[in-house]
N, C-alpha and C. Protein backbone atom coordinates (compact mmCIF):
# COMPACT_ATOMS: atom_id res chain seq x y z
N MET A 1 -4.57 89.64 40.11
CA MET A 1 -4.53 88.02 40.27
C MET A 1 -4.66 87.99 41.77
N ILE A 2 -3.91 88.53 42.43
CA ILE A 2 -3.54 88.39 43.95
C ILE A 2 -5.39 88.78 44.31
N THR A 3 -6.07 89.43 44.16
CA THR A 3 -7.16 89.79 44.66
C THR A 3 -8.15 88.91 44.03
N GLN A 4 -7.86 88.44 42.74
CA GLN A 4 -9.08 87.40 42.16
C GLN A 4 -8.97 85.91 43.35
N MET A 5 -7.44 85.99 43.61
CA MET A 5 -7.47 84.41 44.20
C MET A 5 -8.46 84.24 45.82
N PHE A 6 -8.53 85.56 46.28
CA PHE A 6 -9.28 85.43 47.27
C PHE A 6 -11.02 86.14 47.09
N ALA A 7 -11.15 86.29 46.38
CA ALA A 7 -12.63 86.20 45.47
C ALA A 7 -13.35 84.90 46.16
N ASN A 8 -14.88 85.20 46.36
CA ASN A 8 -15.55 84.03 47.28
C ASN A 8 -15.26 82.73 46.87
N ASP A 9 -15.66 82.74 45.35
CA ASP A 9 -15.38 81.53 44.34
C ASP A 9 -14.14 80.58 44.67
N ALA A 10 -13.17 81.61 44.60
CA ALA A 10 -11.77 81.07 44.51
C ALA A 10 -11.22 80.82 45.79
N LEU A 11 -11.98 81.29 46.79
CA LEU A 11 -11.27 80.68 48.08
C LEU A 11 -11.19 79.00 48.28
N VAL A 12 -12.33 78.27 47.58
CA VAL A 12 -12.19 77.03 47.88
C VAL A 12 -10.92 76.31 47.22
N PHE A 13 -10.12 77.25 46.19
CA PHE A 13 -8.93 76.64 45.52
C PHE A 13 -7.60 77.47 46.36
N THR A 14 -7.79 78.56 46.71
CA THR A 14 -6.84 79.30 47.39
C THR A 14 -6.26 78.74 48.47
N ILE A 15 -7.03 78.03 49.37
CA ILE A 15 -6.65 78.11 50.61
C ILE A 15 -6.03 76.63 50.57
N PRO A 16 -6.64 75.58 49.84
CA PRO A 16 -5.93 74.39 49.82
C PRO A 16 -4.30 74.68 48.87
N ALA A 17 -4.49 75.71 48.15
CA ALA A 17 -3.10 75.69 47.23
C ALA A 17 -1.82 76.56 47.68
N LEU A 18 -2.34 77.39 48.76
CA LEU A 18 -1.47 77.83 49.77
C LEU A 18 -0.91 77.42 51.01
N ALA A 19 -1.97 76.39 51.41
CA ALA A 19 -1.90 75.65 52.73
C ALA A 19 -0.74 74.30 51.99
N GLY A 20 -1.28 73.75 50.93
CA GLY A 20 -0.63 72.86 50.90
C GLY A 20 0.80 73.18 50.18
N THR A 21 1.00 73.91 49.60
CA THR A 21 2.27 74.62 49.28
C THR A 21 3.38 74.71 50.17
N LEU A 22 2.73 75.58 51.20
CA LEU A 22 3.42 75.84 52.33
C LEU A 22 3.95 74.82 52.91
N PHE A 23 3.10 73.76 53.37
CA PHE A 23 3.32 72.65 54.19
C PHE A 23 4.29 71.44 53.34
N PHE A 24 3.98 71.61 52.18
CA PHE A 24 5.08 70.57 51.52
C PHE A 24 6.17 71.04 51.19
N VAL A 25 6.45 72.52 50.65
CA VAL A 25 7.57 72.78 51.26
C VAL A 25 8.40 72.81 52.47
N LEU A 26 8.16 73.14 53.41
CA LEU A 26 8.68 73.22 54.76
C LEU A 26 8.64 71.59 55.09
N ARG A 27 8.10 70.67 54.95
CA ARG A 27 8.10 69.24 55.06
C ARG A 27 9.15 68.61 54.31
N LEU A 28 9.36 69.14 52.85
CA LEU A 28 10.23 68.70 52.18
C LEU A 28 11.77 69.32 52.61
N ALA A 29 11.82 70.33 53.22
CA ALA A 29 13.12 71.24 53.34
C ALA A 29 13.51 70.49 54.95
N THR A 30 12.76 70.42 55.69
CA THR A 30 13.02 69.82 56.81
C THR A 30 13.60 68.13 57.00
N THR A 31 13.22 67.42 56.15
CA THR A 31 13.60 66.19 55.70
C THR A 31 14.75 66.10 54.79
N ILE A 32 15.08 67.18 54.12
CA ILE A 32 16.57 67.24 53.45
C ILE A 32 17.77 67.96 54.45
N ILE A 33 17.10 68.74 55.51
CA ILE A 33 18.21 69.07 56.28
C ILE A 33 18.34 67.98 57.53
N GLY A 34 17.82 66.97 57.29
CA GLY A 34 17.65 66.10 58.62
C GLY A 34 17.24 66.10 59.63
N LEU A 35 16.14 66.93 59.78
CA LEU A 35 15.30 67.27 61.05
C LEU A 35 13.83 66.77 60.50
N ASP A 36 13.77 65.50 60.03
CA ASP A 36 12.54 64.85 59.91
C ASP A 36 12.20 64.04 61.00
N ILE A 37 10.99 64.65 61.76
CA ILE A 37 10.36 64.28 63.10
C ILE A 37 9.87 62.85 62.67
N GLU A 38 9.14 62.56 61.53
CA GLU A 38 8.59 61.53 61.48
C GLU A 38 9.48 60.26 61.13
N GLY A 39 10.56 60.63 60.70
CA GLY A 39 11.94 59.92 60.68
C GLY A 39 12.76 59.25 61.74
N ALA A 40 12.46 60.39 62.85
CA ALA A 40 13.05 60.14 64.12
C ALA A 40 12.18 59.60 64.99
N ASP A 41 10.94 59.48 65.10
CA ASP A 41 9.97 58.95 66.02
C ASP A 41 9.82 57.33 65.50
N GLY A 42 9.94 57.19 64.18
CA GLY A 42 9.92 55.52 63.54
C GLY A 42 11.13 55.38 63.94
N GLY A 43 11.12 53.89 64.07
CA GLY A 43 12.02 53.33 64.34
C GLY A 43 12.35 51.82 63.40
N GLY A 44 13.74 51.97 63.24
CA GLY A 44 14.34 50.64 62.73
C GLY A 44 14.75 50.06 64.03
N ASP A 45 15.29 48.75 63.56
CA ASP A 45 15.63 48.03 64.72
C ASP A 45 17.02 48.74 65.37
N ASP A 46 18.01 49.25 64.35
CA ASP A 46 19.10 49.91 65.11
C ASP A 46 18.71 51.22 65.72
N PHE A 47 17.85 52.19 64.68
CA PHE A 47 17.36 53.06 65.44
C PHE A 47 16.84 53.42 66.46
N GLY A 48 15.75 52.61 66.86
CA GLY A 48 15.06 52.11 68.31
C GLY A 48 16.23 51.71 69.13
N ALA A 49 16.95 51.03 69.01
CA ALA A 49 17.71 50.39 69.76
C ALA A 49 19.18 51.82 70.32
N GLY A 50 19.26 52.21 69.47
CA GLY A 50 20.29 53.76 69.65
C GLY A 50 19.68 55.15 70.41
N ILE A 51 18.35 55.45 69.82
CA ILE A 51 17.82 56.47 70.33
C ILE A 51 16.66 55.86 71.49
N GLY A 52 16.13 54.88 71.42
CA GLY A 52 15.16 54.74 71.98
C GLY A 52 15.33 54.00 73.62
N ASP A 53 16.34 53.46 73.68
CA ASP A 53 16.86 52.91 74.45
C ASP A 53 17.79 53.49 76.00
N GLY A 54 17.52 54.68 76.04
CA GLY A 54 18.19 55.55 76.89
C GLY A 54 19.72 55.64 76.58
N THR A 55 20.23 55.23 75.53
CA THR A 55 21.67 55.67 75.43
C THR A 55 22.15 57.18 74.73
N MET A 56 20.96 57.65 74.38
CA MET A 56 21.02 58.95 73.81
C MET A 56 21.59 60.15 74.59
N GLY A 57 21.25 59.90 76.14
CA GLY A 57 21.79 60.72 76.90
C GLY A 57 23.66 60.68 77.21
N ASP A 58 24.21 59.71 76.95
CA ASP A 58 25.21 59.46 77.11
C ASP A 58 26.24 59.91 75.63
N GLY A 59 25.64 59.54 74.43
CA GLY A 59 26.45 59.87 73.25
C GLY A 59 26.09 61.04 72.62
N GLY A 60 24.64 61.50 72.88
CA GLY A 60 24.03 62.42 72.26
C GLY A 60 23.65 62.26 70.89
N LEU A 61 22.44 62.90 70.19
CA LEU A 61 22.42 62.59 68.75
C LEU A 61 22.96 63.26 67.93
N ASP A 62 24.01 62.50 67.11
CA ASP A 62 24.80 63.58 66.06
C ASP A 62 24.71 63.07 64.72
N ALA A 63 25.48 63.49 63.81
CA ALA A 63 24.80 63.56 62.56
C ALA A 63 25.05 61.99 61.93
N ALA A 64 26.13 61.17 62.52
CA ALA A 64 26.25 59.97 62.28
C ALA A 64 24.91 58.96 62.84
N ASP A 65 24.50 59.15 63.92
CA ASP A 65 23.45 58.63 64.38
C ASP A 65 22.21 58.99 63.85
N LEU A 66 21.97 59.93 63.41
CA LEU A 66 20.71 60.31 62.48
C LEU A 66 20.59 59.60 61.23
N GLU A 67 21.78 59.71 60.68
CA GLU A 67 22.11 59.17 59.53
C GLU A 67 21.78 57.61 59.55
N GLU A 68 22.39 57.20 60.29
CA GLU A 68 22.28 55.52 60.58
C GLU A 68 20.91 55.23 61.24
N GLY A 69 20.19 55.70 61.86
CA GLY A 69 18.50 55.62 61.84
C GLY A 69 18.01 55.65 60.82
N MET A 70 18.05 56.71 59.76
CA MET A 70 17.54 56.69 58.36
C MET A 70 17.59 55.42 57.67
N ASP A 71 18.98 55.15 57.82
CA ASP A 71 19.22 54.20 56.94
C ASP A 71 18.50 52.66 57.30
N HIS A 72 18.17 52.53 58.55
CA HIS A 72 18.00 51.33 59.08
C HIS A 72 16.02 51.69 59.47
N ALA A 73 15.99 52.75 59.51
CA ALA A 73 14.09 52.86 59.37
C ALA A 73 13.56 51.72 58.83
N GLU A 74 12.19 51.67 59.55
CA GLU A 74 11.37 50.47 59.17
C GLU A 74 10.59 50.98 57.66
N THR A 75 10.34 50.28 56.95
CA THR A 75 9.30 50.62 55.50
C THR A 75 8.03 51.24 56.17
N SER A 76 7.48 50.92 57.12
CA SER A 76 6.27 51.94 57.47
C SER A 76 6.27 53.34 58.05
N SER A 77 7.55 53.77 57.79
CA SER A 77 8.07 55.00 58.26
C SER A 77 7.97 55.89 57.03
N VAL A 78 8.78 55.09 56.03
CA VAL A 78 9.01 55.76 54.72
C VAL A 78 7.93 55.86 54.21
N PHE A 79 6.35 54.89 54.43
CA PHE A 79 5.23 54.83 53.55
C PHE A 79 4.62 56.14 54.29
N LYS A 80 4.94 56.12 55.63
CA LYS A 80 4.17 57.53 56.53
C LYS A 80 4.71 58.82 55.82
N PHE A 81 5.71 58.66 55.46
CA PHE A 81 6.28 59.95 55.14
C PHE A 81 5.97 60.28 53.44
N VAL A 82 6.00 59.16 52.51
CA VAL A 82 5.40 59.27 51.20
C VAL A 82 4.02 59.52 51.31
N SER A 83 3.33 59.01 52.48
CA SER A 83 1.96 59.35 52.25
C SER A 83 1.65 60.97 52.78
N ILE A 84 2.22 61.15 53.66
CA ILE A 84 2.03 62.98 54.18
C ILE A 84 2.27 63.72 52.96
N LEU A 85 3.41 63.10 52.20
CA LEU A 85 3.84 64.30 51.07
C LEU A 85 2.69 64.48 49.72
N THR A 86 2.49 63.15 49.57
CA THR A 86 1.33 62.60 48.62
C THR A 86 -0.07 63.33 49.16
N VAL A 87 -0.52 63.36 50.14
CA VAL A 87 -1.68 64.20 50.38
C VAL A 87 -1.55 65.75 50.31
N THR A 88 -0.29 66.29 50.71
CA THR A 88 -0.30 67.56 50.80
C THR A 88 -0.01 67.82 49.08
N ALA A 89 0.78 67.25 48.22
CA ALA A 89 1.00 67.45 46.85
C ALA A 89 -0.57 67.14 46.26
N PHE A 90 -1.54 66.35 46.68
CA PHE A 90 -2.98 66.53 45.92
C PHE A 90 -3.50 68.13 46.15
N PHE A 91 -3.70 68.33 47.84
CA PHE A 91 -4.49 69.58 48.34
C PHE A 91 -3.46 70.81 47.38
N MET A 92 -2.09 70.72 47.20
CA MET A 92 -1.32 71.94 46.55
C MET A 92 -1.74 71.51 45.17
N GLY A 93 -1.87 70.63 44.59
CA GLY A 93 -2.17 70.51 42.90
C GLY A 93 -3.91 70.77 43.14
N PHE A 94 -4.65 70.39 43.73
CA PHE A 94 -6.00 70.72 43.53
C PHE A 94 -6.32 72.36 43.66
N GLY A 95 -5.57 73.08 44.45
CA GLY A 95 -5.69 74.35 44.95
C GLY A 95 -5.42 75.17 43.50
N TRP A 96 -4.44 75.18 42.92
CA TRP A 96 -3.44 75.53 41.89
C TRP A 96 -4.33 75.08 40.26
N GLY A 97 -4.70 73.91 40.37
CA GLY A 97 -5.27 73.62 39.31
C GLY A 97 -6.76 74.02 39.03
N GLY A 98 -7.51 74.46 40.52
CA GLY A 98 -8.92 74.78 40.11
C GLY A 98 -8.68 76.60 40.17
N LEU A 99 -7.91 77.00 40.50
CA LEU A 99 -7.32 78.64 40.01
C LEU A 99 -6.64 78.68 38.78
N VAL A 100 -6.37 77.82 38.29
CA VAL A 100 -5.96 77.59 36.62
C VAL A 100 -7.27 77.42 35.94
N GLY A 101 -8.46 76.34 36.35
CA GLY A 101 -9.29 76.20 35.55
C GLY A 101 -10.21 77.35 35.46
N LEU A 102 -10.31 78.29 36.85
CA LEU A 102 -11.11 79.79 37.09
C LEU A 102 -10.87 80.54 36.38
N TYR A 103 -9.24 81.01 36.20
CA TYR A 103 -8.82 82.08 35.39
C TYR A 103 -8.35 81.93 34.05
N ALA A 104 -7.36 80.99 34.25
CA ALA A 104 -6.90 80.71 32.73
C ALA A 104 -7.44 80.30 31.74
N MET A 105 -8.65 79.44 32.11
CA MET A 105 -9.46 78.34 31.42
C MET A 105 -11.00 78.86 31.33
N GLY A 106 -11.06 80.15 32.49
CA GLY A 106 -12.10 80.62 32.21
C GLY A 106 -13.54 79.82 32.81
N LEU A 107 -13.47 78.66 33.46
CA LEU A 107 -14.59 78.00 33.93
C LEU A 107 -15.19 78.47 35.15
N ASP A 108 -16.33 77.96 35.44
CA ASP A 108 -17.17 77.98 36.49
C ASP A 108 -16.57 77.29 37.44
N VAL A 109 -17.19 77.33 38.46
CA VAL A 109 -16.68 76.61 39.88
C VAL A 109 -16.83 75.08 39.48
N VAL A 110 -17.96 74.84 39.07
CA VAL A 110 -18.01 73.24 39.29
C VAL A 110 -17.30 72.43 38.09
N PRO A 111 -16.99 73.05 37.34
CA PRO A 111 -16.16 72.52 36.06
C PRO A 111 -14.45 72.48 36.45
N ALA A 112 -14.39 73.45 37.25
CA ALA A 112 -13.06 74.15 37.59
C ALA A 112 -12.61 72.85 38.81
N VAL A 113 -13.69 72.35 39.33
CA VAL A 113 -13.60 71.60 40.71
C VAL A 113 -12.84 70.19 39.69
N PHE A 114 -13.73 69.68 38.82
CA PHE A 114 -12.94 68.61 38.24
C PHE A 114 -11.64 68.83 37.84
N VAL A 115 -11.33 70.10 36.78
CA VAL A 115 -9.77 70.09 36.80
C VAL A 115 -8.76 70.31 37.92
N ALA A 116 -9.51 70.88 38.94
CA ALA A 116 -8.49 70.70 40.20
C ALA A 116 -8.27 69.53 40.64
N LEU A 117 -9.42 68.35 40.70
CA LEU A 117 -9.23 67.08 40.93
C LEU A 117 -8.12 66.61 39.89
N ALA A 118 -8.11 66.63 38.66
CA ALA A 118 -7.10 66.09 37.93
C ALA A 118 -5.73 66.58 38.20
N PHE A 119 -5.58 68.02 38.20
CA PHE A 119 -4.40 68.33 38.82
C PHE A 119 -3.83 67.45 40.16
N GLY A 120 -4.84 67.32 41.31
CA GLY A 120 -4.45 66.91 42.45
C GLY A 120 -3.92 65.70 42.11
N VAL A 121 -4.32 64.75 41.62
CA VAL A 121 -4.46 63.48 41.26
C VAL A 121 -2.74 63.19 40.66
N ALA A 122 -2.95 63.99 39.52
CA ALA A 122 -1.57 63.91 38.62
C ALA A 122 -0.20 64.26 39.41
N LEU A 123 -0.20 65.42 40.28
CA LEU A 123 0.54 65.92 41.13
C LEU A 123 1.05 64.92 42.15
N ALA A 124 0.07 64.33 42.77
CA ALA A 124 -0.08 63.24 43.96
C ALA A 124 1.08 61.92 43.26
N TRP A 125 0.42 61.46 42.22
CA TRP A 125 1.37 60.81 41.35
C TRP A 125 2.44 61.14 41.14
N PHE A 126 2.78 62.10 40.63
CA PHE A 126 4.32 62.60 40.36
C PHE A 126 5.17 62.32 41.69
N VAL A 127 4.60 63.02 43.02
CA VAL A 127 5.60 62.68 43.86
C VAL A 127 5.60 61.30 44.56
N ILE A 128 4.59 60.61 44.52
CA ILE A 128 4.94 59.32 44.66
C ILE A 128 6.05 58.74 43.72
N TRP A 129 5.77 58.81 42.58
CA TRP A 129 6.98 58.32 41.53
C TRP A 129 8.67 58.81 41.62
N LEU A 130 8.46 60.30 41.99
CA LEU A 130 9.57 60.78 42.46
C LEU A 130 10.31 60.24 43.76
N LEU A 131 9.43 60.23 44.63
CA LEU A 131 9.95 59.72 46.30
C LEU A 131 10.29 58.23 45.96
N LYS A 132 9.40 57.35 45.05
CA LYS A 132 10.28 55.99 44.83
C LYS A 132 11.49 56.13 44.32
N LEU A 133 11.69 56.92 43.62
CA LEU A 133 12.98 56.91 42.60
C LEU A 133 14.25 57.31 43.46
N LEU A 134 14.07 58.49 44.28
CA LEU A 134 14.96 58.83 45.44
C LEU A 134 15.15 57.65 46.53
N TYR A 135 14.11 57.22 46.75
CA TYR A 135 14.44 56.23 47.91
C TYR A 135 15.21 54.98 47.32
N SER A 136 14.78 54.63 46.02
CA SER A 136 15.48 53.30 45.47
C SER A 136 17.10 53.57 45.40
N ILE A 137 17.43 55.00 44.83
CA ILE A 137 18.60 55.55 44.81
C ILE A 137 19.63 55.50 45.66
N GLU A 138 18.92 55.99 46.89
CA GLU A 138 19.67 56.08 48.21
C GLU A 138 19.67 54.75 48.92
N SER A 139 18.58 54.07 48.83
CA SER A 139 18.79 52.54 49.14
C SER A 139 19.95 51.66 48.52
N SER A 140 20.27 51.77 47.16
CA SER A 140 21.12 51.05 46.50
C SER A 140 22.45 51.73 46.93
N GLY A 141 22.99 52.80 47.54
CA GLY A 141 24.40 53.37 48.04
C GLY A 141 24.51 53.17 49.48
N ASN A 142 23.55 52.60 50.34
CA ASN A 142 23.22 52.39 51.34
C ASN A 142 24.30 51.47 51.86
N ILE A 143 25.10 51.43 53.19
CA ILE A 143 26.13 50.50 53.80
C ILE A 143 25.46 49.43 54.54
N THR A 144 25.27 48.17 54.58
CA THR A 144 24.80 47.35 55.22
C THR A 144 25.43 46.92 56.68
N ILE A 145 24.52 46.35 57.43
CA ILE A 145 25.45 46.37 58.64
C ILE A 145 26.55 44.97 58.67
N ASP A 146 26.31 44.25 57.66
CA ASP A 146 27.14 43.06 57.34
C ASP A 146 28.40 43.62 57.34
N LYS A 147 28.74 44.76 56.67
CA LYS A 147 29.96 45.08 56.52
C LYS A 147 31.10 45.84 57.58
N ALA A 148 30.13 45.83 58.90
CA ALA A 148 30.63 46.45 60.42
C ALA A 148 31.93 45.00 60.39
N LEU A 149 31.49 44.12 60.27
CA LEU A 149 32.13 42.95 60.78
C LEU A 149 33.62 43.19 60.80
N HIS A 150 34.41 42.89 61.83
CA HIS A 150 35.72 43.34 61.96
C HIS A 150 36.49 44.98 61.90
N ALA A 151 35.59 45.57 62.02
CA ALA A 151 35.98 46.75 61.83
C ALA A 151 35.92 47.53 63.13
N GLU A 152 37.02 48.53 63.18
CA GLU A 152 37.25 49.22 64.81
C GLU A 152 36.62 50.77 64.71
N GLY A 153 36.20 50.79 65.72
CA GLY A 153 35.43 52.28 65.99
C GLY A 153 35.62 52.80 67.74
N VAL A 154 34.93 53.40 67.97
CA VAL A 154 34.79 54.15 69.46
C VAL A 154 33.27 54.05 69.56
N THR A 155 33.53 53.88 71.40
CA THR A 155 32.23 53.77 71.79
C THR A 155 31.53 55.13 72.01
N THR A 156 30.29 55.56 71.97
CA THR A 156 29.99 56.74 72.01
C THR A 156 29.14 56.87 73.05
N SER A 157 28.61 55.39 73.87
CA SER A 157 27.88 55.44 75.18
C SER A 157 28.73 54.25 75.77
N THR A 158 28.52 54.23 77.45
CA THR A 158 28.74 52.69 77.63
C THR A 158 27.99 51.56 77.24
N ILE A 159 28.98 50.75 77.24
CA ILE A 159 28.02 49.52 76.70
C ILE A 159 28.10 48.31 78.13
N PRO A 160 27.23 48.08 78.10
CA PRO A 160 26.73 47.35 79.52
C PRO A 160 27.66 45.91 79.29
N ALA A 161 27.77 45.22 80.55
CA ALA A 161 28.28 43.88 80.43
C ALA A 161 27.34 43.10 79.83
N ARG A 162 27.96 41.67 79.27
CA ARG A 162 27.37 40.63 78.39
C ARG A 162 25.87 40.71 78.98
N ASP A 163 24.91 40.50 77.92
CA ASP A 163 23.37 40.13 78.44
C ASP A 163 22.83 41.47 79.21
N ALA A 164 23.15 42.52 79.55
CA ALA A 164 22.64 43.81 80.32
C ALA A 164 22.14 44.97 79.46
N GLY A 165 21.90 44.89 78.10
CA GLY A 165 21.52 45.69 77.13
C GLY A 165 22.50 46.27 76.18
N THR A 166 22.13 47.34 75.88
CA THR A 166 23.42 47.83 74.72
C THR A 166 23.67 49.17 74.67
N GLY A 167 24.80 49.33 74.14
CA GLY A 167 25.31 50.81 73.89
C GLY A 167 25.17 51.26 72.62
N ARG A 168 26.27 51.86 72.62
CA ARG A 168 26.47 52.83 70.91
C ARG A 168 27.82 52.88 70.54
N VAL A 169 28.18 52.45 69.41
CA VAL A 169 29.49 52.69 68.90
C VAL A 169 29.56 53.11 67.48
N ARG A 170 30.56 54.18 67.24
CA ARG A 170 30.82 54.89 66.03
C ARG A 170 31.76 54.00 65.42
N ILE A 171 31.72 53.61 64.03
CA ILE A 171 32.53 53.14 63.27
C ILE A 171 32.76 53.59 61.95
N THR A 172 33.88 53.43 61.22
CA THR A 172 34.26 54.02 60.04
C THR A 172 33.98 52.76 59.03
N ILE A 173 33.39 52.86 57.88
CA ILE A 173 32.87 51.78 56.70
C ILE A 173 33.35 52.51 55.53
N GLU A 174 33.90 52.48 54.44
CA GLU A 174 34.20 52.75 53.32
C GLU A 174 34.07 54.41 53.49
N ASP A 175 34.99 54.88 54.51
CA ASP A 175 35.38 56.23 54.61
C ASP A 175 33.76 57.11 54.97
N ARG A 176 32.85 56.23 55.69
CA ARG A 176 31.87 56.76 56.34
C ARG A 176 31.64 56.31 57.37
N GLN A 177 31.25 57.21 58.39
CA GLN A 177 31.40 56.94 59.64
C GLN A 177 29.33 56.68 59.76
N ARG A 178 29.40 55.27 60.67
CA ARG A 178 28.31 54.74 60.63
C ARG A 178 28.23 54.57 62.47
N ALA A 179 26.93 54.66 62.76
CA ALA A 179 26.85 54.31 64.58
C ALA A 179 25.90 53.43 64.31
N TYR A 180 25.75 52.35 65.23
CA TYR A 180 25.44 51.11 65.76
C TYR A 180 25.28 50.84 67.29
N ALA A 181 23.96 50.25 67.61
CA ALA A 181 23.98 49.84 68.82
C ALA A 181 24.45 48.46 68.72
N ALA A 182 25.04 48.61 70.25
CA ALA A 182 26.39 47.60 70.11
C ALA A 182 26.42 47.06 71.89
N ARG A 183 26.59 45.23 71.73
CA ARG A 183 26.57 44.59 72.87
C ARG A 183 28.03 44.24 73.24
N SER A 184 28.50 44.09 74.59
CA SER A 184 29.72 43.88 74.97
C SER A 184 29.90 42.26 75.21
N GLU A 185 30.98 41.83 74.78
CA GLU A 185 31.51 40.10 74.14
C GLU A 185 31.25 39.76 75.96
N GLY A 186 32.00 40.96 76.75
CA GLY A 186 32.33 40.47 78.30
C GLY A 186 31.89 41.46 79.61
N ASP A 187 32.99 42.09 79.83
CA ASP A 187 32.63 43.17 80.85
C ASP A 187 32.14 44.41 80.24
N GLU A 188 31.68 45.44 81.16
CA GLU A 188 31.20 46.55 80.55
C GLU A 188 32.55 47.32 79.86
N ILE A 189 32.05 48.41 78.60
CA ILE A 189 32.88 49.07 78.09
C ILE A 189 32.60 50.15 78.00
N ARG A 190 33.40 51.47 78.69
CA ARG A 190 33.07 52.35 79.05
C ARG A 190 32.94 53.57 77.68
N MET A 191 32.27 54.77 77.70
CA MET A 191 32.16 55.41 76.74
C MET A 191 33.61 56.17 76.11
N GLY A 192 34.08 55.92 75.05
CA GLY A 192 35.33 56.51 74.47
C GLY A 192 36.46 55.35 74.09
N ALA A 193 35.85 54.08 74.49
CA ALA A 193 36.96 53.06 74.56
C ALA A 193 36.97 52.70 72.97
N HIS A 194 38.47 52.18 72.53
CA HIS A 194 38.36 51.63 71.44
C HIS A 194 37.85 50.33 71.08
N VAL A 195 37.25 50.02 70.44
CA VAL A 195 36.42 48.39 70.14
C VAL A 195 36.74 47.71 69.02
N ARG A 196 36.62 46.47 68.76
CA ARG A 196 36.44 45.91 67.33
C ARG A 196 35.03 45.17 67.57
N VAL A 197 34.64 45.04 66.08
CA VAL A 197 33.29 44.70 66.04
C VAL A 197 33.55 42.73 65.92
N ILE A 198 33.32 41.94 66.62
CA ILE A 198 33.21 40.51 66.09
C ILE A 198 32.07 39.86 66.05
N ARG A 199 30.97 40.41 65.92
CA ARG A 199 29.91 39.66 65.47
C ARG A 199 28.59 40.67 65.10
N VAL A 200 27.90 40.70 64.05
CA VAL A 200 26.95 41.20 63.69
C VAL A 200 25.53 40.22 64.13
N ASN A 201 24.62 40.56 64.78
CA ASN A 201 23.66 40.38 65.13
C ASN A 201 22.42 40.25 64.52
N ARG A 202 21.46 39.57 64.72
CA ARG A 202 20.21 39.34 64.14
C ARG A 202 19.37 40.64 64.25
N ASP A 203 19.18 41.08 65.55
CA ASP A 203 18.46 42.09 65.51
C ASP A 203 19.44 43.74 65.40
N ASN A 204 20.00 43.48 64.55
CA ASN A 204 20.73 44.80 63.74
C ASN A 204 21.55 45.26 64.70
N THR A 205 22.08 44.78 65.86
CA THR A 205 23.00 45.20 67.04
C THR A 205 24.32 44.57 66.32
N VAL A 206 25.63 45.29 67.03
CA VAL A 206 26.87 44.49 66.74
C VAL A 206 27.35 44.29 68.10
N THR A 207 28.24 43.01 68.17
CA THR A 207 28.68 42.42 69.42
C THR A 207 30.44 43.27 69.35
N VAL A 208 30.95 43.81 70.31
CA VAL A 208 32.26 44.17 70.46
C VAL A 208 32.88 43.80 71.43
N THR A 209 34.34 44.06 71.16
CA THR A 209 35.21 43.80 72.08
C THR A 209 36.48 44.73 72.25
N PRO A 210 37.00 44.97 73.43
CA PRO A 210 38.18 46.43 73.19
C PRO A 210 39.14 45.87 72.32
N ALA A 211 39.38 46.61 71.58
CA ALA A 211 40.66 46.51 70.46
C ALA A 211 41.86 46.54 70.84
């Protein structure tokens, strides 16, 4: 079977089958363990504020920051992720479907191409459906930033004085640690200080004051 996969006629299917499968598995694995590069580059309001504003050097990027970034990632980042996996799934389905057409169904190359296209479209559609289902389940369990009001936490980076920029704060909501971009109500608040959230802002930041 392996020899047949690398025959001249089969290469048109073998290459996308192996390449698509490898990339699909790697992409899915890195996303599951929280190393999704697209998610880190794409930003929601809070994610961009916490990682793209220079505060990363103070507090570092930890699990709570990454989780919070993914929770507030913009819809465009989600669609980008879905698109990448969908295209990869199509090539994977096209390749394996073509090999099935060639060897399991005994078709010539041209008819096998139509079988491959059907497999590719079917697998891509299934991946879209599955990702939408998983994303809807995850979104339903997310903690909204409004629940941070009146919560107490610890700053993970220095928060500049009023209107001078944002820092970073980690608080616990419903037994889960969340990280948010934070503004000071008054003077500068140093890293490691205990604070209380007194306001949730429209830009997905929170305003804090020393607790």
